[in-house]
Amino acid sequence: MITLIVPTRNRGYTLRLTARSYYEQALVTEIIFVDDAGTDDTAEVVAAIASNYPETETRILRNEERKGAAYNRIAGYRAARNDYVLYCDDDEYLERDYAKVCLEKMHATGAAIVSGRRIIKTKEERPEDTVRRFGDGLTDEPPFNYRFCEFNRDATFSGDLALPLTNSIILTRRETLERFGYDPFYAKANGYREESDFQMAIYCAGLDILVTNEVHSIHLSREECRTGGQRFNRFSRLYWNVFYTNYFYGKYWDRYAERAGLSRSKNAAVAAFALYQVYFLFIKPFRRLLPGREESRPAARPRGKESAPPAI
């Protein structure tokens, strides 16, 4: 059976929208919310929703002072009573079969981590409408940028892909977490690379990470998430993204580059990433404002139209 772990802080208002989808997951018998020194009504919101699902054990762990997402993920899996752990964010819906499909994929392929596709809804959409609009993806860009070590959530593909990294809504084994764990270093500011660190440790150990197009987590719109996320100014994001990437590459770059077939050195990779972030944060957002440089996103494709061969 599966323990679902939800790190959270002052997100009672989003849990009102999303938490029921956690309790409707087949095979999930335990849900642990890790409250990172929040000051809102999260405990009351969780208790009210959990009361409708008495067959699912619910626990709330609370930090008296803020510890950061990685610490909360560690606290969650150490408290889990099941052999499998599914992490979910407090601003995500889960499709009804998310946990079940991920576990079936894990057993069928031997992957150490399995995730579905992560998509973002508009304020007006129902989650099922978002899934329908997304189809198999929204862009023809590759699903993974190996030069900058980034997963492209909007890439168009069907079936399953084995990639170095995926999103944060992952199923894994508790023994895998005990072996590799999360790194509390990413505790300040936006915590960039915090979720990727655990996944990269697994990839560099020669294990597989699988992304399946068969199930989805649906992220609330920005209008529905009033706090948290990447709400930093561009200069702060640039600093922390490069700061954490330098640390992240220092831990993993040589092993990652060897498995991925890259020849660039770690220092060169950090410099290239910094330049890429300058472009991504300060230039790309304004390109569409220039005459003749308007950028448009490709229309969603119907499910079943494959643009990249499945790796597994």
C-alpha atoms as a PDB file:
ATOM      1  CA  MET A   1       0.000   0.000   0.000  1.00  0.00           C
ATOM      2  CA  ILE A   2       0.935   3.656  -0.424  1.00  0.00           C
ATOM      3  CA  THR A   3       1.523   6.600   1.934  1.00  0.00           C
ATOM      4  CA  LEU A   4       0.763   9.980   0.357  1.00  0.00           C
ATOM      5  CA  ILE A   5       2.869  12.837   1.769  1.00  0.00           C
ATOM      6  CA  VAL A   6       1.933  16.508   1.364  1.00  0.00           C
ATOM      7  CA  PRO A   7       4.392  19.182   2.571  1.00  0.00           C
ATOM      8  CA  THR A   8       2.441  22.380   3.189  1.00  0.00           C
ATOM      9  CA  ARG A   9       2.619  25.857   4.689  1.00  0.00           C
ATOM     10  CA  ASN A  10      -0.319  28.265   4.988  1.00  0.00           C
ATOM     11  CA  ARG A  11      -2.187  26.568   2.165  1.00  0.00           C
ATOM     12  CA  GLY A  12      -5.459  25.647   3.814  1.00  0.00           C
ATOM     13  CA  TYR A  13      -7.223  27.579   1.051  1.00  0.00           C
ATOM     14  CA  THR A  14      -5.664  25.407  -1.693  1.00  0.00           C
ATOM     15  CA  LEU A  15      -6.176  22.169   0.232  1.00  0.00           C
ATOM     16  CA  ARG A  16      -9.901  22.960   0.309  1.00  0.00           C
ATOM     17  CA  LEU A  17      -9.798  22.579  -3.471  1.00  0.00           C
ATOM     18  CA  THR A  18      -7.340  19.710  -3.907  1.00  0.00           C
ATOM     19  CA  ALA A  19      -7.234  17.439  -0.855  1.00  0.00           C
ATOM     20  CA  ARG A  20     -10.297  15.370  -1.704  1.00  0.00           C
ATOM     21  CA  SER A  21      -8.451  14.057  -4.748  1.00  0.00           C
ATOM     22  CA  TYR A  22      -5.792  12.610  -2.413  1.00  0.00           C
ATOM     23  CA  TYR A  23      -8.391  10.615  -0.503  1.00  0.00           C
ATOM     24  CA  GLU A  24      -9.878   9.228  -3.699  1.00  0.00           C
ATOM     25  CA  GLN A  25      -6.634   7.473  -4.683  1.00  0.00           C
ATOM     26  CA  ALA A  26      -6.885   3.691  -4.844  1.00  0.00           C
ATOM     27  CA  LEU A  27      -4.162   1.934  -2.778  1.00  0.00           C
ATOM     28  CA  VAL A  28      -3.461   5.026  -0.635  1.00  0.00           C
ATOM     29  CA  THR A  29      -4.156   3.979   2.959  1.00  0.00           C
ATOM     30  CA  GLU A  30      -2.272   6.732   4.775  1.00  0.00           C
ATOM     31  CA  ILE A  31      -1.940  10.478   4.167  1.00  0.00           C
ATOM     32  CA  ILE A  32       0.624  12.581   6.024  1.00  0.00           C
ATOM     33  CA  PHE A  33       0.492  16.375   5.888  1.00  0.00           C
ATOM     34  CA  VAL A  34       3.724  18.051   7.031  1.00  0.00           C
ATOM     35  CA  ASP A  35       2.880  21.579   8.198  1.00  0.00           C
ATOM     36  CA  ASP A  36       5.982  23.772   8.043  1.00  0.00           C
ATOM     37  CA  ALA A  37       5.201  26.147  10.939  1.00  0.00           C
ATOM     38  CA  GLY A  38       2.096  27.474   9.239  1.00  0.00           C
ATOM     39  CA  THR A  39      -0.249  29.924  10.942  1.00  0.00           C
ATOM     40  CA  ASP A  40      -3.495  29.354   9.034  1.00  0.00           C
ATOM     41  CA  ASP A  41      -6.379  26.880   9.360  1.00  0.00           C
ATOM     42  CA  THR A  42      -4.688  23.954   7.600  1.00  0.00           C
ATOM     43  CA  ALA A  43      -5.325  21.528  10.466  1.00  0.00           C
ATOM     44  CA  GLU A  44      -9.039  22.343  10.516  1.00  0.00           C
ATOM     45  CA  VAL A  45      -9.346  22.069   6.747  1.00  0.00           C
ATOM     46  CA  VAL A  46      -7.615  18.674   6.712  1.00  0.00           C
ATOM     47  CA  ALA A  47      -9.701  17.379   9.628  1.00  0.00           C
ATOM     48  CA  ALA A  48     -12.957  18.374   7.943  1.00  0.00           C
ATOM     49  CA  ILE A  49     -12.056  16.658   4.672  1.00  0.00           C
ATOM     50  CA  ALA A  50     -10.540  13.581   6.342  1.00  0.00           C
ATOM     51  CA  SER A  51     -13.718  13.026   8.338  1.00  0.00           C
ATOM     52  CA  ASN A  52     -15.416  11.983   5.104  1.00  0.00           C
ATOM     53  CA  TYR A  53     -12.800   9.258   4.501  1.00  0.00           C
ATOM     54  CA  PRO A  54     -12.465   7.357   7.801  1.00  0.00           C
ATOM     55  CA  GLU A  55     -10.899   4.342   6.068  1.00  0.00           C
ATOM     56  CA  THR A  56      -7.801   6.405   5.247  1.00  0.00           C
ATOM     57  CA  GLU A  57      -5.451   7.175   8.131  1.00  0.00           C
ATOM     58  CA  THR A  58      -4.625  10.866   8.328  1.00  0.00           C
ATOM     59  CA  ARG A  59      -1.764  12.418  10.269  1.00  0.00           C
ATOM     60  CA  ILE A  60      -0.489  15.979  10.524  1.00  0.00           C
ATOM     61  CA  LEU A  61       3.147  16.526  11.445  1.00  0.00           C
ATOM     62  CA  ARG A  62       3.991  20.067  12.463  1.00  0.00           C
ATOM     63  CA  ASN A  63       7.253  22.004  12.684  1.00  0.00           C
ATOM     64  CA  GLU A  64       7.297  24.694  15.329  1.00  0.00           C
ATOM     65  CA  GLU A  65       9.768  26.652  13.204  1.00  0.00           C
ATOM     66  CA  ARG A  66      10.149  26.756   9.442  1.00  0.00           C
ATOM     67  CA  LYS A  67      12.422  23.997   8.093  1.00  0.00           C
ATOM     68  CA  GLY A  68      11.949  23.999   4.319  1.00  0.00           C
ATOM     69  CA  ALA A  69      10.488  21.558   1.817  1.00  0.00           C
ATOM     70  CA  ALA A  70      13.324  19.016   1.842  1.00  0.00           C
ATOM     71  CA  TYR A  71      13.170  18.660   5.618  1.00  0.00           C
ATOM     72  CA  ASN A  72       9.416  18.146   5.370  1.00  0.00           C
ATOM     73  CA  ARG A  73       9.780  15.456   2.737  1.00  0.00           C
ATOM     74  CA  ILE A  74      12.283  13.654   4.965  1.00  0.00           C
ATOM     75  CA  ALA A  75      10.020  13.921   8.013  1.00  0.00           C
ATOM     76  CA  GLY A  76       7.156  12.546   5.952  1.00  0.00           C
ATOM     77  CA  TYR A  77       8.850   9.423   4.668  1.00  0.00           C
ATOM     78  CA  ARG A  78      10.416   8.667   8.046  1.00  0.00           C
ATOM     79  CA  ALA A  79       6.933   8.669   9.559  1.00  0.00           C
ATOM     80  CA  ALA A  80       5.365   6.621   6.741  1.00  0.00           C
ATOM     81  CA  ARG A  81       4.093   3.154   7.591  1.00  0.00           C
ATOM     82  CA  ASN A  82       3.813   1.843   4.043  1.00  0.00           C
ATOM     83  CA  ASP A  83       6.491   0.556   1.671  1.00  0.00           C
ATOM     84  CA  TYR A  84       5.590   3.005  -1.106  1.00  0.00           C
ATOM     85  CA  VAL A  85       5.508   6.800  -0.872  1.00  0.00           C
ATOM     86  CA  LEU A  86       3.715   9.222  -3.176  1.00  0.00           C
ATOM     87  CA  TYR A  87       4.646  12.891  -2.826  1.00  0.00           C
ATOM     88  CA  CYS A  88       2.106  15.534  -3.764  1.00  0.00           C
ATOM     89  CA  ASP A  89       2.137  19.322  -3.510  1.00  0.00           C
ATOM     90  CA  ASP A  90      -0.623  21.162  -1.701  1.00  0.00           C
ATOM     91  CA  ASP A  91      -1.732  23.005  -4.854  1.00  0.00           C
ATOM     92  CA  GLU A  92      -2.228  19.946  -7.091  1.00  0.00           C
ATOM     93  CA  TYR A  93      -5.202  17.786  -7.942  1.00  0.00           C
ATOM     94  CA  LEU A  94      -4.492  14.131  -8.634  1.00  0.00           C
ATOM     95  CA  GLU A  95      -6.352  12.189 -11.274  1.00  0.00           C
ATOM     96  CA  ARG A  96      -8.247   9.358  -9.628  1.00  0.00           C
ATOM     97  CA  ASP A  97      -5.889   6.558 -10.748  1.00  0.00           C
ATOM     98  CA  TYR A  98      -2.635   8.476 -10.314  1.00  0.00           C
ATOM     99  CA  ALA A  99      -1.199   6.336  -7.505  1.00  0.00           C
ATOM    100  CA  LYS A 100      -2.454   3.057  -8.970  1.00  0.00           C
ATOM    101  CA  VAL A 101      -1.064   3.659 -12.454  1.00  0.00           C
ATOM    102  CA  CYS A 102       2.319   4.806 -11.108  1.00  0.00           C
ATOM    103  CA  LEU A 103       2.612   1.684  -8.957  1.00  0.00           C
ATOM    104  CA  GLU A 104       1.697  -0.564 -11.890  1.00  0.00           C
ATOM    105  CA  LYS A 105       4.355   1.141 -14.030  1.00  0.00           C
ATOM    106  CA  MET A 106       6.933   0.737 -11.282  1.00  0.00           C
ATOM    107  CA  HIS A 107       6.257  -2.994 -10.993  1.00  0.00           C
ATOM    108  CA  ALA A 108       6.224  -3.478 -14.776  1.00  0.00           C
ATOM    109  CA  THR A 109       9.450  -1.581 -15.534  1.00  0.00           C
ATOM    110  CA  GLY A 110      11.526  -1.716 -12.354  1.00  0.00           C
ATOM    111  CA  ALA A 111      11.830   2.088 -12.324  1.00  0.00           C
ATOM    112  CA  ALA A 112      12.910   3.648  -9.033  1.00  0.00           C
ATOM    113  CA  ILE A 113      10.623   6.674  -9.532  1.00  0.00           C
ATOM    114  CA  VAL A 114       7.420   7.042 -11.547  1.00  0.00           C
ATOM    115  CA  SER A 115       5.426  10.199 -12.184  1.00  0.00           C
ATOM    116  CA  GLY A 116       2.533  11.235 -14.364  1.00  0.00           C
ATOM    117  CA  ARG A 117       2.381  14.436 -16.387  1.00  0.00           C
ATOM    118  CA  ARG A 118       2.052  17.713 -14.503  1.00  0.00           C
ATOM    119  CA  ILE A 119      -0.229  20.268 -16.143  1.00  0.00           C
ATOM    120  CA  ILE A 120      -1.587  23.682 -15.156  1.00  0.00           C
ATOM    121  CA  LYS A 121      -5.271  24.579 -15.197  1.00  0.00           C
ATOM    122  CA  THR A 122      -6.870  27.943 -15.786  1.00  0.00           C
ATOM    123  CA  LYS A 123      -9.071  29.403 -13.077  1.00  0.00           C
ATOM    124  CA  GLU A 124     -12.233  28.588 -15.007  1.00  0.00           C
ATOM    125  CA  GLU A 125     -11.330  25.025 -15.984  1.00  0.00           C
ATOM    126  CA  ARG A 126     -12.303  21.825 -14.264  1.00  0.00           C
ATOM    127  CA  PRO A 127      -9.319  19.456 -13.850  1.00  0.00           C
ATOM    128  CA  GLU A 128     -10.736  17.037 -16.423  1.00  0.00           C
ATOM    129  CA  ASP A 129     -11.042  19.890 -18.926  1.00  0.00           C
ATOM    130  CA  THR A 130      -7.372  20.736 -18.375  1.00  0.00           C
ATOM    131  CA  VAL A 131      -6.390  17.134 -19.122  1.00  0.00           C
ATOM    132  CA  ARG A 132      -8.451  17.213 -22.304  1.00  0.00           C
ATOM    133  CA  ARG A 133      -6.897  20.507 -23.426  1.00  0.00           C
ATOM    134  CA  PHE A 134      -3.358  19.310 -22.700  1.00  0.00           C
ATOM    135  CA  GLY A 135      -3.701  16.151 -24.766  1.00  0.00           C
ATOM    136  CA  ASP A 136      -0.209  14.727 -25.257  1.00  0.00           C
ATOM    137  CA  GLY A 137       1.518  18.077 -24.755  1.00  0.00           C
ATOM    138  CA  LEU A 138       1.661  21.735 -25.754  1.00  0.00           C
ATOM    139  CA  THR A 139       5.068  22.199 -27.386  1.00  0.00           C
ATOM    140  CA  ASP A 140       7.361  20.483 -29.849  1.00  0.00           C
ATOM    141  CA  GLU A 141      10.422  21.172 -27.705  1.00  0.00           C
ATOM    142  CA  PRO A 142      12.177  18.028 -26.376  1.00  0.00           C
ATOM    143  CA  PRO A 143      10.970  16.603 -23.046  1.00  0.00           C
ATOM    144  CA  PHE A 144      14.403  17.084 -21.485  1.00  0.00           C
ATOM    145  CA  ASN A 145      17.122  19.713 -21.933  1.00  0.00           C
ATOM    146  CA  TYR A 146      20.328  17.785 -21.214  1.00  0.00           C
ATOM    147  CA  ARG A 147      22.570  20.864 -21.426  1.00  0.00           C
ATOM    148  CA  PHE A 148      20.814  22.623 -18.546  1.00  0.00           C
ATOM    149  CA  CYS A 149      19.427  19.546 -16.797  1.00  0.00           C
ATOM    150  CA  GLU A 150      15.781  20.611 -16.978  1.00  0.00           C
ATOM    151  CA  PHE A 151      12.552  18.701 -17.556  1.00  0.00           C
ATOM    152  CA  ASN A 152      10.048  20.249 -19.980  1.00  0.00           C
ATOM    153  CA  ARG A 153       6.606  19.548 -18.563  1.00  0.00           C
ATOM    154  CA  ASP A 154       4.802  20.742 -21.712  1.00  0.00           C
ATOM    155  CA  ALA A 155       6.668  18.524 -24.210  1.00  0.00           C
ATOM    156  CA  THR A 156       4.523  16.501 -26.572  1.00  0.00           C
ATOM    157  CA  PHE A 157       4.827  12.740 -26.231  1.00  0.00           C
ATOM    158  CA  SER A 158       2.640   9.735 -25.578  1.00  0.00           C
ATOM    159  CA  GLY A 159       3.330   6.527 -23.697  1.00  0.00           C
ATOM    160  CA  ASP A 160       6.202   6.417 -21.205  1.00  0.00           C
ATOM    161  CA  LEU A 161       9.650   8.029 -21.202  1.00  0.00           C
ATOM    162  CA  ALA A 162      12.723   7.316 -19.079  1.00  0.00           C
ATOM    163  CA  LEU A 163      14.388  10.657 -18.251  1.00  0.00           C
ATOM    164  CA  PRO A 164      16.988  11.972 -15.776  1.00  0.00           C
ATOM    165  CA  LEU A 165      14.403  14.126 -13.963  1.00  0.00           C
ATOM    166  CA  THR A 166      10.650  14.580 -13.762  1.00  0.00           C
ATOM    167  CA  ASN A 167       8.244  16.737 -11.770  1.00  0.00           C
ATOM    168  CA  SER A 168       7.782  16.570  -7.988  1.00  0.00           C
ATOM    169  CA  ILE A 169       4.593  14.427  -7.924  1.00  0.00           C
ATOM    170  CA  ILE A 170       6.412  11.110  -7.717  1.00  0.00           C
ATOM    171  CA  LEU A 171       5.916   7.578  -6.463  1.00  0.00           C
ATOM    172  CA  THR A 172       8.931   5.784  -5.026  1.00  0.00           C
ATOM    173  CA  ARG A 173       9.803   3.172  -2.443  1.00  0.00           C
ATOM    174  CA  ARG A 174      10.504   4.113   1.153  1.00  0.00           C
ATOM    175  CA  GLU A 175      13.737   2.083   1.000  1.00  0.00           C
ATOM    176  CA  THR A 176      14.840   4.233  -1.963  1.00  0.00           C
ATOM    177  CA  LEU A 177      14.221   7.365   0.103  1.00  0.00           C
ATOM    178  CA  GLU A 178      16.166   5.878   3.000  1.00  0.00           C
ATOM    179  CA  ARG A 179      19.064   5.147   0.656  1.00  0.00           C
ATOM    180  CA  PHE A 180      19.211   8.464  -1.238  1.00  0.00           C
ATOM    181  CA  GLY A 181      17.046  10.914   0.707  1.00  0.00           C
ATOM    182  CA  TYR A 182      16.501  14.639   0.225  1.00  0.00           C
ATOM    183  CA  ASP A 183      19.104  17.318   0.900  1.00  0.00           C
ATOM    184  CA  PRO A 184      18.035  20.040   3.397  1.00  0.00           C
ATOM    185  CA  PHE A 185      20.595  22.440   1.883  1.00  0.00           C
ATOM    186  CA  TYR A 186      17.884  23.807  -0.428  1.00  0.00           C
ATOM    187  CA  ALA A 187      16.012  25.479   2.432  1.00  0.00           C
ATOM    188  CA  LYS A 188      16.282  29.178   1.579  1.00  0.00           C
ATOM    189  CA  ALA A 189      14.411  31.384  -0.880  1.00  0.00           C
ATOM    190  CA  ASN A 190      12.882  29.417  -3.791  1.00  0.00           C
ATOM    191  CA  GLY A 191      14.657  26.116  -3.003  1.00  0.00           C
ATOM    192  CA  TYR A 192      15.484  25.631  -6.684  1.00  0.00           C
ATOM    193  CA  ARG A 193      16.714  22.063  -7.441  1.00  0.00           C
ATOM    194  CA  GLU A 194      15.411  20.724  -4.110  1.00  0.00           C
ATOM    195  CA  GLU A 195      13.117  18.229  -5.824  1.00  0.00           C
ATOM    196  CA  SER A 196      15.669  17.423  -8.520  1.00  0.00           C
ATOM    197  CA  ASP A 197      18.441  16.551  -6.063  1.00  0.00           C
ATOM    198  CA  PHE A 198      16.861  13.288  -4.893  1.00  0.00           C
ATOM    199  CA  GLN A 199      15.974  12.306  -8.449  1.00  0.00           C
ATOM    200  CA  MET A 200      19.447  13.060  -9.787  1.00  0.00           C
ATOM    201  CA  ALA A 201      21.028  10.907  -7.079  1.00  0.00           C
ATOM    202  CA  ILE A 202      18.916   8.031  -8.367  1.00  0.00           C
ATOM    203  CA  TYR A 203      19.748   8.710 -12.016  1.00  0.00           C
ATOM    204  CA  CYS A 204      23.474   8.901 -11.259  1.00  0.00           C
ATOM    205  CA  ALA A 205      23.235   5.553  -9.467  1.00  0.00           C
ATOM    206  CA  GLY A 206      22.106   3.979 -12.741  1.00  0.00           C
ATOM    207  CA  LEU A 207      18.436   3.617 -11.814  1.00  0.00           C
ATOM    208  CA  ASP A 208      15.508   4.689 -13.996  1.00  0.00           C
ATOM    209  CA  ILE A 209      12.981   7.511 -13.634  1.00  0.00           C
ATOM    210  CA  LEU A 210       9.796   7.034 -15.642  1.00  0.00           C
ATOM    211  CA  VAL A 211       7.284   9.659 -16.799  1.00  0.00           C
ATOM    212  CA  THR A 212       3.957   8.318 -18.029  1.00  0.00           C
ATOM    213  CA  ASN A 213       1.398  10.160 -20.102  1.00  0.00           C
ATOM    214  CA  GLU A 214      -1.430   7.982 -18.771  1.00  0.00           C
ATOM    215  CA  VAL A 215      -2.138  10.017 -15.607  1.00  0.00           C
ATOM    216  CA  HIS A 216      -1.830  13.640 -14.575  1.00  0.00           C
ATOM    217  CA  SER A 217      -1.492  15.965 -11.634  1.00  0.00           C
ATOM    218  CA  ILE A 218      -3.266  19.250 -12.242  1.00  0.00           C
ATOM    219  CA  HIS A 219      -1.695  22.357 -10.741  1.00  0.00           C
ATOM    220  CA  LEU A 220      -3.987  25.163  -9.648  1.00  0.00           C
ATOM    221  CA  SER A 221      -3.881  28.370 -11.661  1.00  0.00           C
ATOM    222  CA  ARG A 222      -1.858  31.321 -10.432  1.00  0.00           C
ATOM    223  CA  GLU A 223      -5.089  33.103  -9.526  1.00  0.00           C
ATOM    224  CA  GLU A 224      -5.999  30.198  -7.234  1.00  0.00           C
ATOM    225  CA  CYS A 225      -2.539  30.136  -5.563  1.00  0.00           C
ATOM    226  CA  ARG A 226      -2.112  33.484  -3.856  1.00  0.00           C
ATOM    227  CA  THR A 227       1.101  32.589  -2.025  1.00  0.00           C
ATOM    228  CA  GLY A 228       4.239  30.505  -2.424  1.00  0.00           C
ATOM    229  CA  GLY A 229       5.737  29.243  -5.645  1.00  0.00           C
ATOM    230  CA  GLN A 230       8.227  31.294  -7.617  1.00  0.00           C
ATOM    231  CA  ARG A 231       6.998  34.680  -6.371  1.00  0.00           C
ATOM    232  CA  PHE A 232      10.424  36.321  -6.313  1.00  0.00           C
ATOM    233  CA  ASN A 233      11.631  39.160  -8.492  1.00  0.00           C
ATOM    234  CA  ARG A 234      13.759  38.210 -11.473  1.00  0.00           C
ATOM    235  CA  PHE A 235      17.049  39.244  -9.890  1.00  0.00           C
ATOM    236  CA  SER A 236      16.387  37.092  -6.823  1.00  0.00           C
ATOM    237  CA  ARG A 237      15.402  34.147  -8.987  1.00  0.00           C
ATOM    238  CA  LEU A 238      18.553  34.529 -11.060  1.00  0.00           C
ATOM    239  CA  TYR A 239      20.746  34.558  -7.964  1.00  0.00           C
ATOM    240  CA  TRP A 240      19.153  31.573  -6.263  1.00  0.00           C
ATOM    241  CA  ASN A 241      18.740  29.521  -9.435  1.00  0.00           C
ATOM    242  CA  VAL A 242      22.464  29.862 -10.187  1.00  0.00           C
ATOM    243  CA  PHE A 243      23.469  29.465  -6.529  1.00  0.00           C
ATOM    244  CA  TYR A 244      21.592  26.202  -6.105  1.00  0.00           C
ATOM    245  CA  THR A 245      22.554  24.905  -9.547  1.00  0.00           C
ATOM    246  CA  ASN A 246      26.234  25.431  -8.739  1.00  0.00           C
ATOM    247  CA  TYR A 247      25.769  23.302  -5.618  1.00  0.00           C
ATOM    248  CA  PHE A 248      23.659  20.741  -7.498  1.00  0.00           C
ATOM    249  CA  TYR A 249      26.174  20.407 -10.342  1.00  0.00           C
ATOM    250  CA  GLY A 250      28.989  20.148  -7.822  1.00  0.00           C
ATOM    251  CA  LYS A 251      27.326  17.043  -6.386  1.00  0.00           C
ATOM    252  CA  TYR A 252      26.264  15.344  -9.588  1.00  0.00           C
ATOM    253  CA  TRP A 253      27.636  16.832 -12.806  1.00  0.00           C
ATOM    254  CA  ASP A 254      30.469  14.397 -13.515  1.00  0.00           C
ATOM    255  CA  ARG A 255      28.304  11.306 -12.984  1.00  0.00           C
ATOM    256  CA  TYR A 256      25.347  12.880 -14.777  1.00  0.00           C
ATOM    257  CA  ALA A 257      27.483  13.897 -17.750  1.00  0.00           C
ATOM    258  CA  GLU A 258      28.972  10.423 -17.998  1.00  0.00           C
ATOM    259  CA  ARG A 259      25.583   8.696 -18.091  1.00  0.00           C
ATOM    260  CA  ALA A 260      24.040  11.331 -20.375  1.00  0.00           C
ATOM    261  CA  GLY A 261      27.042  11.375 -22.744  1.00  0.00           C
ATOM    262  CA  LEU A 262      28.006  15.021 -22.207  1.00  0.00           C
ATOM    263  CA  SER A 263      31.565  16.365 -22.450  1.00  0.00           C
ATOM    264  CA  ARG A 264      31.174  19.814 -20.870  1.00  0.00           C
ATOM    265  CA  SER A 265      32.962  20.415 -17.551  1.00  0.00           C
ATOM    266  CA  LYS A 266      31.063  21.337 -14.403  1.00  0.00           C
ATOM    267  CA  ASN A 267      32.334  24.951 -14.402  1.00  0.00           C
ATOM    268  CA  ALA A 268      31.449  25.398 -18.051  1.00  0.00           C
ATOM    269  CA  ALA A 269      28.001  23.930 -17.378  1.00  0.00           C
ATOM    270  CA  VAL A 270      27.364  26.404 -14.538  1.00  0.00           C
ATOM    271  CA  ALA A 271      28.473  29.341 -16.710  1.00  0.00           C
ATOM    272  CA  ALA A 272      26.229  28.190 -19.556  1.00  0.00           C
ATOM    273  CA  PHE A 273      23.322  27.768 -17.163  1.00  0.00           C
ATOM    274  CA  ALA A 274      23.813  31.286 -15.773  1.00  0.00           C
ATOM    275  CA  LEU A 275      23.692  32.759 -19.291  1.00  0.00           C
ATOM    276  CA  TYR A 276      20.623  30.688 -20.065  1.00  0.00           C
ATOM    277  CA  GLN A 277      18.891  32.019 -16.954  1.00  0.00           C
ATOM    278  CA  VAL A 278      19.656  35.615 -17.967  1.00  0.00           C
ATOM    279  CA  TYR A 279      18.002  34.907 -21.305  1.00  0.00           C
ATOM    280  CA  PHE A 280      15.085  32.972 -19.772  1.00  0.00           C
ATOM    281  CA  LEU A 281      14.288  35.547 -17.066  1.00  0.00           C
ATOM    282  CA  PHE A 282      15.161  38.873 -18.709  1.00  0.00           C
ATOM    283  CA  ILE A 283      15.027  38.481 -22.493  1.00  0.00           C
ATOM    284  CA  LYS A 284      12.614  35.731 -23.481  1.00  0.00           C
ATOM    285  CA  PRO A 285       9.578  37.220 -21.639  1.00  0.00           C
ATOM    286  CA  PHE A 286       9.882  40.416 -23.685  1.00  0.00           C
ATOM    287  CA  ARG A 287      10.695  38.958 -27.123  1.00  0.00           C
ATOM    288  CA  ARG A 288       7.026  38.721 -28.036  1.00  0.00           C
ATOM    289  CA  LEU A 289       6.709  42.489 -27.527  1.00  0.00           C
ATOM    290  CA  LEU A 290       9.182  43.216 -30.320  1.00  0.00           C
ATOM    291  CA  PRO A 291       7.842  43.783 -33.854  1.00  0.00           C
ATOM    292  CA  GLY A 292       8.058  40.604 -35.894  1.00  0.00           C
ATOM    293  CA  ARG A 293       9.101  38.484 -32.905  1.00  0.00           C
ATOM    294  CA  GLU A 294       5.763  37.334 -31.568  1.00  0.00           C
ATOM    295  CA  GLU A 295       5.867  33.853 -30.114  1.00  0.00           C
ATOM    296  CA  SER A 296       2.886  31.559 -29.992  1.00  0.00           C
ATOM    297  CA  ARG A 297       2.396  28.252 -28.262  1.00  0.00           C
ATOM    298  CA  PRO A 298       1.415  25.330 -30.506  1.00  0.00           C
ATOM    299  CA  ALA A 299      -2.132  24.100 -30.116  1.00  0.00           C
ATOM    300  CA  ALA A 300      -2.688  21.052 -27.957  1.00  0.00           C
ATOM    301  CA  ARG A 301      -2.664  17.737 -29.786  1.00  0.00           C
ATOM    302  CA  PRO A 302      -5.163  14.971 -29.259  1.00  0.00           C
ATOM    303  CA  ARG A 303      -3.963  12.089 -27.162  1.00  0.00           C
ATOM    304  CA  GLY A 304      -2.451   9.232 -29.151  1.00  0.00           C
ATOM    305  CA  LYS A 305      -0.434  11.400 -31.574  1.00  0.00           C
ATOM    306  CA  GLU A 306       3.119  10.466 -30.726  1.00  0.00           C
ATOM    307  CA  SER A 307       5.972  12.893 -31.330  1.00  0.00           C
ATOM    308  CA  ALA A 308       8.724  11.127 -29.402  1.00  0.00           C
ATOM    309  CA  PRO A 309       9.334   7.379 -29.180  1.00  0.00           C
ATOM    310  CA  PRO A 310       8.817   5.934 -25.707  1.00  0.00           C
ATOM    311  CA  ALA A 311      12.045   4.929 -24.006  1.00  0.00           C
ATOM    312  CA  ILE A 312      10.408   2.112 -22.044  1.00  0.00           C
END
